[in-house]
């Protein structure tokens, strides 16, 4: 029963995000990216996990571009593997993979321990736990880490349920940044 509620909630959040106008998306993206830049500067994070955005997610590409220009920080992104992902250094070219997600080429270099993870969400439940696209990749990734980086959820328009929809394994963030 809870999974039906979670699935319905996920669908309504996605629909809401899809119908956000292009002008509003542009404006909201700028605000959120600025907040993320300020957080990164204040936290002095060196190794940062970001994501390559899909249309309904916060467009963090300008943030990736500016972070890559500094020698002090390393930018990592997910590289899908099996039921989860590993982190690889962000580099071009990007290739479209499963679920329409873009990612760089695989890397065999061991990624450094990440200080900060910026994670897109579809919504959050009453406990502030992540509702994603339903594949569980982020949940499995964080479950397999032997440390806990600072985690920030991002979303263009906050979609929050007043019910508990999460499972024990669903991840929770230290911060949520929206517009």
N, C-alpha and C. Protein backbone atom coordinates (compact mmCIF):
# COMPACT_ATOMS: atom_id res chain seq x y z
N UNK A 1 0.83 -1.20 0.00
CA UNK A 1 0.00 0.00 0.00
C UNK A 1 0.87 1.26 0.00
N UNK A 2 1.93 1.25 0.87
CA UNK A 2 2.81 2.40 0.94
C UNK A 2 3.46 2.65 -0.41
N UNK A 3 3.83 1.54 -1.12
CA UNK A 3 4.48 1.69 -2.42
C UNK A 3 3.56 2.32 -3.45
N UNK A 4 2.23 2.06 -3.35
CA UNK A 4 1.27 2.70 -4.24
C UNK A 4 1.26 4.21 -4.00
N UNK A 5 1.25 4.61 -2.72
CA UNK A 5 1.27 6.03 -2.37
C UNK A 5 2.56 6.68 -2.86
N UNK A 6 3.68 5.96 -2.68
CA UNK A 6 4.98 6.47 -3.10
C UNK A 6 5.00 6.66 -4.63
N UNK A 7 4.49 5.68 -5.34
CA UNK A 7 4.45 5.73 -6.79
C UNK A 7 3.55 6.87 -7.29
N UNK A 8 2.39 7.02 -6.68
CA UNK A 8 1.47 8.12 -7.04
C UNK A 8 2.10 9.47 -6.75
N UNK A 9 2.75 9.58 -5.59
CA UNK A 9 3.41 10.82 -5.22
C UNK A 9 4.51 11.15 -6.22
N UNK A 10 5.33 10.16 -6.57
CA UNK A 10 6.42 10.32 -7.53
C UNK A 10 5.85 10.86 -8.86
N UNK A 11 4.77 10.23 -9.34
CA UNK A 11 4.16 10.65 -10.61
C UNK A 11 3.66 12.09 -10.55
N UNK A 12 3.02 12.47 -9.45
CA UNK A 12 2.49 13.84 -9.34
C UNK A 12 3.62 14.86 -9.27
N UNK A 13 4.72 14.52 -8.60
CA UNK A 13 5.87 15.44 -8.53
C UNK A 13 6.50 15.61 -9.90
N UNK A 14 6.67 14.51 -10.63
CA UNK A 14 7.27 14.57 -11.96
C UNK A 14 6.40 15.42 -12.88
N UNK A 15 5.10 15.22 -12.82
CA UNK A 15 4.17 16.00 -13.64
C UNK A 15 4.31 17.49 -13.33
N UNK A 16 4.39 17.81 -12.04
CA UNK A 16 4.54 19.21 -11.61
C UNK A 16 5.84 19.81 -12.15
N UNK A 17 6.91 19.04 -12.09
CA UNK A 17 8.21 19.52 -12.59
C UNK A 17 8.21 19.68 -14.11
N UNK A 18 7.53 18.77 -14.81
CA UNK A 18 7.47 18.85 -16.26
C UNK A 18 6.72 20.09 -16.74
N UNK A 19 5.79 20.56 -15.93
CA UNK A 19 4.99 21.70 -16.34
C UNK A 19 5.50 23.04 -15.81
N UNK A 20 6.71 23.05 -15.28
CA UNK A 20 7.34 24.30 -14.87
C UNK A 20 7.81 24.98 -16.15
N UNK A 21 7.45 26.23 -16.36
CA UNK A 21 7.78 26.93 -17.60
C UNK A 21 9.29 27.07 -17.77
N UNK A 22 9.73 27.20 -19.03
CA UNK A 22 11.16 27.35 -19.32
C UNK A 22 11.74 28.58 -18.65
N UNK A 23 10.98 29.69 -18.65
CA UNK A 23 11.46 30.91 -18.01
C UNK A 23 11.66 30.69 -16.52
N UNK A 24 10.67 30.05 -15.87
CA UNK A 24 10.79 29.79 -14.43
C UNK A 24 11.95 28.85 -14.15
N UNK A 25 12.14 27.83 -14.99
CA UNK A 25 13.26 26.89 -14.81
C UNK A 25 14.58 27.64 -14.87
N UNK A 26 14.72 28.50 -15.86
CA UNK A 26 15.96 29.26 -16.04
C UNK A 26 16.24 30.09 -14.79
N UNK A 27 15.23 30.79 -14.32
CA UNK A 27 15.34 31.66 -13.15
C UNK A 27 15.66 30.84 -11.89
N UNK A 28 14.92 29.75 -11.69
CA UNK A 28 15.11 28.91 -10.50
C UNK A 28 16.48 28.24 -10.51
N UNK A 29 16.91 27.78 -11.69
CA UNK A 29 18.23 27.16 -11.81
C UNK A 29 19.33 28.12 -11.36
N UNK A 30 19.25 29.37 -11.82
CA UNK A 30 20.26 30.38 -11.46
C UNK A 30 20.32 30.58 -9.94
N UNK A 31 19.16 30.67 -9.30
CA UNK A 31 19.09 30.87 -7.85
C UNK A 31 19.70 29.68 -7.11
N UNK A 32 19.31 28.48 -7.51
CA UNK A 32 19.77 27.26 -6.83
C UNK A 32 21.27 27.06 -7.02
N UNK A 33 21.76 27.26 -8.24
CA UNK A 33 23.19 27.10 -8.51
C UNK A 33 23.99 28.10 -7.68
N UNK A 34 23.51 29.33 -7.55
CA UNK A 34 24.19 30.35 -6.73
C UNK A 34 24.25 29.88 -5.27
N UNK A 35 23.13 29.34 -4.75
CA UNK A 35 23.10 28.83 -3.38
C UNK A 35 24.10 27.69 -3.21
N UNK A 36 24.19 26.81 -4.20
CA UNK A 36 25.13 25.69 -4.15
C UNK A 36 26.58 26.20 -4.15
N UNK A 37 26.86 27.17 -5.03
CA UNK A 37 28.21 27.75 -5.08
C UNK A 37 28.60 28.33 -3.73
N UNK A 38 27.69 29.07 -3.12
CA UNK A 38 27.96 29.67 -1.80
C UNK A 38 28.19 28.60 -0.75
N UNK A 39 27.39 27.53 -0.78
CA UNK A 39 27.57 26.44 0.19
C UNK A 39 28.93 25.79 0.01
N UNK A 40 29.31 25.53 -1.22
CA UNK A 40 30.60 24.88 -1.50
C UNK A 40 31.75 25.74 -1.00
N UNK A 41 31.67 27.04 -1.24
CA UNK A 41 32.73 27.95 -0.76
C UNK A 41 32.81 27.93 0.77
N UNK A 42 31.65 28.03 1.43
CA UNK A 42 31.63 28.05 2.90
C UNK A 42 32.11 26.73 3.50
N UNK A 43 31.73 25.62 2.88
CA UNK A 43 32.09 24.31 3.43
C UNK A 43 33.51 23.90 3.06
N UNK A 44 34.07 24.57 2.07
CA UNK A 44 35.41 24.28 1.58
C UNK A 44 35.55 22.82 1.13
N UNK A 45 34.49 22.28 0.54
CA UNK A 45 34.52 20.91 0.02
C UNK A 45 35.47 20.83 -1.16
N UNK A 46 36.24 19.76 -1.20
CA UNK A 46 37.24 19.58 -2.26
C UNK A 46 36.79 18.57 -3.33
N UNK A 47 36.18 17.47 -2.88
CA UNK A 47 35.75 16.41 -3.79
C UNK A 47 34.23 16.35 -3.76
N UNK A 48 33.63 16.70 -4.90
CA UNK A 48 32.19 16.92 -4.95
C UNK A 48 31.53 15.99 -5.95
N UNK A 49 30.51 15.28 -5.47
CA UNK A 49 29.69 14.44 -6.35
C UNK A 49 28.53 15.28 -6.83
N UNK A 50 28.43 15.45 -8.15
CA UNK A 50 27.30 16.13 -8.76
C UNK A 50 26.58 15.14 -9.66
N UNK A 51 25.77 15.60 -10.55
CA UNK A 51 25.05 14.73 -11.47
C UNK A 51 24.91 15.47 -12.79
N UNK A 52 24.70 14.72 -13.85
CA UNK A 52 24.46 15.33 -15.14
C UNK A 52 22.93 15.40 -15.28
N UNK A 53 22.39 16.62 -15.29
CA UNK A 53 20.94 16.80 -15.14
C UNK A 53 20.09 16.34 -16.32
N UNK A 54 18.90 15.84 -15.97
CA UNK A 54 17.85 15.59 -16.94
C UNK A 54 16.96 16.84 -16.93
N UNK A 55 16.02 16.91 -17.86
CA UNK A 55 15.22 18.12 -18.04
C UNK A 55 14.49 18.61 -16.78
N UNK A 56 14.02 17.70 -15.95
CA UNK A 56 13.22 18.15 -14.79
C UNK A 56 14.07 18.36 -13.54
N UNK A 57 15.38 18.18 -13.67
CA UNK A 57 16.27 18.35 -12.52
C UNK A 57 16.94 19.73 -12.58
N UNK A 58 17.44 20.17 -11.45
CA UNK A 58 18.18 21.43 -11.40
C UNK A 58 19.38 21.31 -12.34
N UNK A 59 19.53 22.29 -13.21
CA UNK A 59 20.62 22.29 -14.19
C UNK A 59 21.91 22.74 -13.50
N UNK A 60 22.72 21.77 -13.10
CA UNK A 60 23.98 22.07 -12.40
C UNK A 60 25.17 22.15 -13.36
N UNK A 61 24.92 22.12 -14.67
CA UNK A 61 26.03 22.19 -15.63
C UNK A 61 26.87 23.47 -15.46
N UNK A 62 26.25 24.65 -15.24
CA UNK A 62 27.10 25.84 -15.00
C UNK A 62 27.98 25.69 -13.75
N UNK A 63 27.46 25.02 -12.73
CA UNK A 63 28.23 24.78 -11.51
C UNK A 63 29.41 23.85 -11.80
N UNK A 64 29.15 22.79 -12.55
CA UNK A 64 30.22 21.85 -12.92
C UNK A 64 31.31 22.60 -13.68
N UNK A 65 30.89 23.43 -14.62
CA UNK A 65 31.84 24.18 -15.44
C UNK A 65 32.71 25.10 -14.57
N UNK A 66 32.09 25.83 -13.65
CA UNK A 66 32.88 26.75 -12.81
C UNK A 66 33.77 25.99 -11.83
N UNK A 67 33.30 24.87 -11.29
CA UNK A 67 34.12 24.09 -10.35
C UNK A 67 35.34 23.47 -11.05
N UNK A 68 35.16 23.08 -12.30
CA UNK A 68 36.26 22.46 -13.03
C UNK A 68 37.39 23.45 -13.34
N UNK A 69 37.06 24.75 -13.33
CA UNK A 69 38.07 25.77 -13.61
C UNK A 69 39.02 25.97 -12.43
N UNK A 70 38.58 25.59 -11.24
CA UNK A 70 39.44 25.78 -10.07
C UNK A 70 40.29 24.54 -9.85
N UNK A 71 41.49 24.74 -9.44
CA UNK A 71 42.41 23.62 -9.19
C UNK A 71 42.17 22.98 -7.83
N UNK A 72 41.41 23.67 -6.98
CA UNK A 72 41.20 23.19 -5.61
C UNK A 72 40.14 22.10 -5.49
N UNK A 73 39.30 21.95 -6.50
CA UNK A 73 38.17 21.03 -6.37
C UNK A 73 38.13 19.99 -7.49
N UNK A 74 37.65 18.80 -7.13
CA UNK A 74 37.45 17.72 -8.11
C UNK A 74 35.96 17.46 -8.23
N UNK A 75 35.48 17.31 -9.46
CA UNK A 75 34.06 17.05 -9.70
C UNK A 75 33.89 15.61 -10.17
N UNK A 76 33.01 14.90 -9.46
CA UNK A 76 32.68 13.52 -9.80
C UNK A 76 31.21 13.42 -10.14
N UNK A 77 30.88 12.44 -10.97
CA UNK A 77 29.48 12.18 -11.34
C UNK A 77 29.24 10.67 -11.31
N UNK A 78 27.97 10.26 -11.24
CA UNK A 78 27.68 8.83 -11.25
C UNK A 78 27.98 8.18 -12.60
N UNK A 79 28.46 6.94 -12.54
CA UNK A 79 28.62 6.10 -13.71
C UNK A 79 27.88 4.81 -13.39
N UNK A 80 26.77 4.57 -14.09
CA UNK A 80 25.91 3.42 -13.76
C UNK A 80 26.64 2.10 -13.94
N UNK A 81 26.50 1.26 -12.91
CA UNK A 81 27.06 -0.09 -12.93
C UNK A 81 26.10 -1.00 -12.20
N UNK A 82 25.55 -1.96 -12.91
CA UNK A 82 24.62 -2.91 -12.27
C UNK A 82 23.42 -2.21 -11.66
N UNK A 83 23.17 -2.47 -10.37
CA UNK A 83 21.99 -1.90 -9.71
C UNK A 83 22.28 -0.57 -9.03
N UNK A 84 23.49 -0.04 -9.23
CA UNK A 84 23.86 1.21 -8.59
C UNK A 84 24.81 1.98 -9.51
N UNK A 85 25.74 2.69 -8.94
CA UNK A 85 26.74 3.40 -9.73
C UNK A 85 28.02 3.53 -8.94
N UNK A 86 29.08 3.85 -9.67
CA UNK A 86 30.32 4.23 -9.02
C UNK A 86 30.55 5.69 -9.41
N UNK A 87 31.48 6.35 -8.73
CA UNK A 87 31.73 7.72 -9.10
C UNK A 87 32.97 7.80 -9.97
N UNK A 88 32.87 8.61 -11.02
CA UNK A 88 34.00 8.85 -11.93
C UNK A 88 34.20 10.35 -12.06
N UNK A 89 35.40 10.72 -12.41
CA UNK A 89 35.70 12.13 -12.61
C UNK A 89 34.90 12.64 -13.81
N UNK A 90 34.32 13.84 -13.67
CA UNK A 90 33.58 14.43 -14.78
C UNK A 90 34.57 14.82 -15.87
N UNK A 91 34.31 14.36 -17.07
CA UNK A 91 35.10 14.76 -18.22
C UNK A 91 34.30 14.50 -19.49
N UNK A 92 34.65 15.23 -20.52
CA UNK A 92 33.96 15.11 -21.81
C UNK A 92 34.66 14.08 -22.66
N UNK A 93 34.01 13.46 -23.61
CA UNK A 93 32.61 13.64 -24.01
C UNK A 93 31.66 12.87 -23.11
N UNK A 94 30.40 13.27 -23.15
CA UNK A 94 29.36 12.56 -22.42
C UNK A 94 28.61 11.67 -23.41
N UNK A 95 28.12 10.53 -22.91
CA UNK A 95 27.38 9.59 -23.75
C UNK A 95 26.03 9.29 -23.10
N UNK A 96 24.99 9.20 -23.92
CA UNK A 96 23.66 8.90 -23.40
C UNK A 96 23.56 7.41 -23.11
N UNK A 97 23.12 7.10 -21.89
CA UNK A 97 23.02 5.70 -21.46
C UNK A 97 21.59 5.34 -21.11
N UNK A 98 21.44 4.30 -20.27
CA UNK A 98 20.12 3.86 -19.82
C UNK A 98 19.32 5.02 -19.23
N UNK A 99 18.02 4.97 -19.39
CA UNK A 99 17.09 5.97 -18.84
C UNK A 99 17.33 7.37 -19.41
N UNK A 100 18.12 7.48 -20.51
CA UNK A 100 18.40 8.78 -21.12
C UNK A 100 19.40 9.61 -20.34
N UNK A 101 20.11 8.97 -19.41
CA UNK A 101 21.08 9.66 -18.56
C UNK A 101 22.41 9.75 -19.30
N UNK A 102 23.03 10.94 -19.25
CA UNK A 102 24.35 11.12 -19.86
C UNK A 102 25.42 10.88 -18.81
N UNK A 103 26.53 10.32 -19.26
CA UNK A 103 27.67 10.12 -18.36
C UNK A 103 28.96 10.10 -19.15
N UNK A 104 30.08 10.39 -18.46
CA UNK A 104 31.38 10.34 -19.15
C UNK A 104 31.80 8.88 -19.35
N UNK A 105 32.95 8.69 -19.95
CA UNK A 105 33.49 7.34 -20.10
C UNK A 105 33.82 6.76 -18.73
N UNK A 106 33.88 5.44 -18.68
CA UNK A 106 34.25 4.76 -17.45
C UNK A 106 35.69 5.13 -17.09
N UNK A 107 35.99 5.03 -15.83
CA UNK A 107 37.33 5.35 -15.35
C UNK A 107 37.79 4.24 -14.43
N UNK A 108 39.06 3.92 -14.52
CA UNK A 108 39.59 2.86 -13.67
C UNK A 108 40.42 3.44 -12.53
N UNK A 109 40.48 4.77 -12.48
CA UNK A 109 41.16 5.43 -11.38
C UNK A 109 40.27 5.38 -10.16
N UNK A 110 40.85 5.17 -9.01
CA UNK A 110 40.08 5.14 -7.76
C UNK A 110 39.70 6.57 -7.40
N UNK A 111 38.40 6.83 -7.30
CA UNK A 111 37.94 8.17 -6.93
C UNK A 111 38.30 8.45 -5.48
N UNK A 112 38.54 9.71 -5.20
CA UNK A 112 38.83 10.11 -3.82
C UNK A 112 37.55 10.07 -3.00
N UNK A 113 37.72 10.12 -1.71
CA UNK A 113 36.58 10.18 -0.80
C UNK A 113 35.85 11.51 -1.04
N UNK A 114 34.55 11.45 -1.28
CA UNK A 114 33.82 12.69 -1.55
C UNK A 114 33.43 13.38 -0.24
N UNK A 115 33.54 14.72 -0.26
CA UNK A 115 33.19 15.53 0.90
C UNK A 115 31.72 15.93 0.85
N UNK A 116 31.24 16.14 -0.38
CA UNK A 116 29.91 16.70 -0.58
C UNK A 116 29.23 15.99 -1.74
N UNK A 117 27.99 15.58 -1.52
CA UNK A 117 27.19 14.95 -2.57
C UNK A 117 25.96 15.81 -2.82
N UNK A 118 25.80 16.24 -4.07
CA UNK A 118 24.63 17.01 -4.46
C UNK A 118 23.76 16.07 -5.28
N UNK A 119 22.55 15.81 -4.77
CA UNK A 119 21.70 14.74 -5.29
C UNK A 119 20.34 15.31 -5.74
N UNK A 120 19.93 15.01 -6.99
CA UNK A 120 18.62 15.47 -7.44
C UNK A 120 17.51 14.63 -6.80
N UNK A 121 16.36 15.26 -6.58
CA UNK A 121 15.22 14.53 -6.03
C UNK A 121 13.98 14.78 -6.87
N UNK A 122 13.05 13.84 -6.80
CA UNK A 122 11.72 14.03 -7.38
C UNK A 122 10.83 14.65 -6.31
N UNK A 123 11.07 14.23 -5.05
CA UNK A 123 10.32 14.77 -3.92
C UNK A 123 10.91 14.25 -2.63
N UNK A 124 10.32 14.68 -1.52
CA UNK A 124 10.70 14.16 -0.21
C UNK A 124 9.43 13.81 0.56
N UNK A 125 9.57 12.90 1.50
CA UNK A 125 8.42 12.54 2.32
C UNK A 125 8.44 13.32 3.62
N UNK A 126 7.54 12.99 4.52
CA UNK A 126 7.41 13.70 5.80
C UNK A 126 8.70 13.68 6.60
N UNK A 127 9.50 12.63 6.46
CA UNK A 127 10.76 12.49 7.21
C UNK A 127 11.93 13.21 6.52
N UNK A 128 11.66 13.77 5.34
CA UNK A 128 12.74 14.43 4.59
C UNK A 128 13.59 13.45 3.81
N UNK A 129 13.08 12.24 3.63
CA UNK A 129 13.84 11.23 2.88
C UNK A 129 13.54 11.35 1.39
N UNK A 130 14.52 10.99 0.59
CA UNK A 130 14.47 11.17 -0.86
C UNK A 130 13.49 10.23 -1.54
N UNK A 131 12.69 10.83 -2.41
CA UNK A 131 11.89 10.07 -3.35
C UNK A 131 12.53 10.37 -4.70
N UNK A 132 13.08 9.35 -5.32
CA UNK A 132 13.75 9.53 -6.61
C UNK A 132 12.90 8.95 -7.72
N UNK A 133 13.56 8.49 -8.76
CA UNK A 133 12.85 7.94 -9.91
C UNK A 133 12.44 6.48 -9.71
N UNK A 134 12.79 5.89 -8.57
CA UNK A 134 12.31 4.55 -8.27
C UNK A 134 13.26 3.42 -8.62
N UNK A 135 14.47 3.75 -9.04
CA UNK A 135 15.44 2.69 -9.38
C UNK A 135 16.32 2.32 -8.19
N UNK A 136 16.41 3.19 -7.19
CA UNK A 136 17.17 2.89 -5.97
C UNK A 136 18.68 3.01 -6.10
N UNK A 137 19.16 3.60 -7.19
CA UNK A 137 20.61 3.65 -7.42
C UNK A 137 21.34 4.48 -6.36
N UNK A 138 20.80 5.66 -6.04
CA UNK A 138 21.45 6.50 -5.02
C UNK A 138 21.39 5.82 -3.65
N UNK A 139 20.26 5.18 -3.33
CA UNK A 139 20.13 4.50 -2.04
C UNK A 139 21.20 3.41 -1.90
N UNK A 140 21.37 2.60 -2.94
CA UNK A 140 22.37 1.53 -2.88
C UNK A 140 23.78 2.10 -2.84
N UNK A 141 24.02 3.17 -3.61
CA UNK A 141 25.35 3.79 -3.62
C UNK A 141 25.73 4.25 -2.21
N UNK A 142 24.84 5.03 -1.57
CA UNK A 142 25.15 5.56 -0.24
C UNK A 142 25.21 4.45 0.81
N UNK A 143 24.42 3.42 0.65
CA UNK A 143 24.44 2.30 1.58
C UNK A 143 25.78 1.57 1.54
N UNK A 144 26.41 1.54 0.37
CA UNK A 144 27.68 0.83 0.20
C UNK A 144 28.90 1.67 0.57
N UNK A 145 28.70 2.97 0.80
CA UNK A 145 29.82 3.81 1.24
C UNK A 145 30.13 3.51 2.70
N UNK A 146 31.40 3.55 3.07
CA UNK A 146 31.75 3.30 4.47
C UNK A 146 31.97 4.61 5.23
N UNK A 147 31.46 5.71 4.68
CA UNK A 147 31.50 7.02 5.33
C UNK A 147 30.28 7.80 4.87
N UNK A 148 30.01 8.92 5.50
CA UNK A 148 28.83 9.71 5.15
C UNK A 148 29.25 11.13 4.76
N UNK A 149 29.22 11.44 3.44
CA UNK A 149 29.53 12.80 3.03
C UNK A 149 28.36 13.74 3.36
N UNK A 150 28.62 15.03 3.38
CA UNK A 150 27.53 16.00 3.51
C UNK A 150 26.68 15.82 2.26
N UNK A 151 25.38 15.74 2.43
CA UNK A 151 24.48 15.51 1.30
C UNK A 151 23.48 16.64 1.18
N UNK A 152 23.34 17.14 -0.05
CA UNK A 152 22.37 18.19 -0.35
C UNK A 152 21.43 17.68 -1.43
N UNK A 153 20.12 17.77 -1.16
CA UNK A 153 19.12 17.47 -2.18
C UNK A 153 18.82 18.76 -2.93
N UNK A 154 18.61 18.66 -4.25
CA UNK A 154 18.20 19.82 -5.04
C UNK A 154 16.91 19.50 -5.79
N UNK A 155 16.09 20.54 -5.93
CA UNK A 155 14.85 20.41 -6.70
C UNK A 155 14.39 21.80 -7.12
N UNK A 156 13.87 21.90 -8.34
CA UNK A 156 13.39 23.18 -8.86
C UNK A 156 12.20 23.71 -8.07
N UNK A 157 11.25 22.83 -7.80
CA UNK A 157 10.05 23.18 -7.04
C UNK A 157 9.90 22.11 -5.97
N UNK A 158 9.97 22.50 -4.70
CA UNK A 158 9.91 21.49 -3.65
C UNK A 158 8.59 20.74 -3.69
N UNK A 159 8.69 19.44 -3.74
CA UNK A 159 7.51 18.58 -3.75
C UNK A 159 7.64 17.71 -2.50
N UNK A 160 6.80 18.00 -1.50
CA UNK A 160 6.91 17.33 -0.21
C UNK A 160 5.59 16.67 0.16
N UNK A 161 5.68 15.43 0.61
CA UNK A 161 4.50 14.70 1.06
C UNK A 161 4.35 14.88 2.57
N UNK A 162 3.14 14.94 3.02
CA UNK A 162 2.87 15.02 4.47
C UNK A 162 2.79 13.62 5.08
N UNK A 163 3.03 12.60 4.24
CA UNK A 163 3.00 11.21 4.71
C UNK A 163 4.41 10.63 4.70
N UNK A 164 4.60 9.57 5.47
CA UNK A 164 5.87 8.83 5.42
C UNK A 164 5.75 7.84 4.27
N UNK A 165 6.55 8.05 3.23
CA UNK A 165 6.51 7.19 2.04
C UNK A 165 7.80 6.40 1.88
N UNK A 166 8.81 6.76 2.66
CA UNK A 166 10.13 6.17 2.48
C UNK A 166 10.26 4.81 3.15
N UNK A 167 11.27 4.11 2.69
CA UNK A 167 11.67 2.86 3.31
C UNK A 167 12.92 3.15 4.14
N UNK A 168 13.32 2.21 4.98
CA UNK A 168 14.49 2.41 5.84
C UNK A 168 15.75 2.75 5.05
N UNK A 169 15.88 2.19 3.86
CA UNK A 169 17.09 2.37 3.07
C UNK A 169 17.11 3.69 2.29
N UNK A 170 16.00 4.41 2.22
CA UNK A 170 15.97 5.67 1.48
C UNK A 170 16.87 6.70 2.16
N UNK A 171 17.62 7.45 1.36
CA UNK A 171 18.59 8.38 1.93
C UNK A 171 17.94 9.68 2.38
N UNK A 172 18.63 10.32 3.30
CA UNK A 172 18.20 11.59 3.86
C UNK A 172 19.36 12.57 3.70
N UNK A 173 19.04 13.83 3.43
CA UNK A 173 20.09 14.82 3.23
C UNK A 173 20.33 15.65 4.48
N UNK A 174 21.49 16.28 4.50
CA UNK A 174 21.77 17.25 5.55
C UNK A 174 21.05 18.55 5.23
N UNK A 175 20.91 18.86 3.92
CA UNK A 175 20.29 20.11 3.47
C UNK A 175 19.45 19.85 2.22
N UNK A 176 18.46 20.71 2.02
CA UNK A 176 17.66 20.69 0.79
C UNK A 176 17.75 22.10 0.23
N UNK A 177 18.16 22.21 -1.02
CA UNK A 177 18.23 23.53 -1.65
C UNK A 177 17.27 23.56 -2.83
N UNK A 178 16.35 24.48 -2.74
CA UNK A 178 15.37 24.72 -3.78
C UNK A 178 15.34 26.23 -3.96
N UNK A 179 14.43 26.76 -4.75
CA UNK A 179 14.49 28.21 -4.97
C UNK A 179 13.82 28.97 -3.85
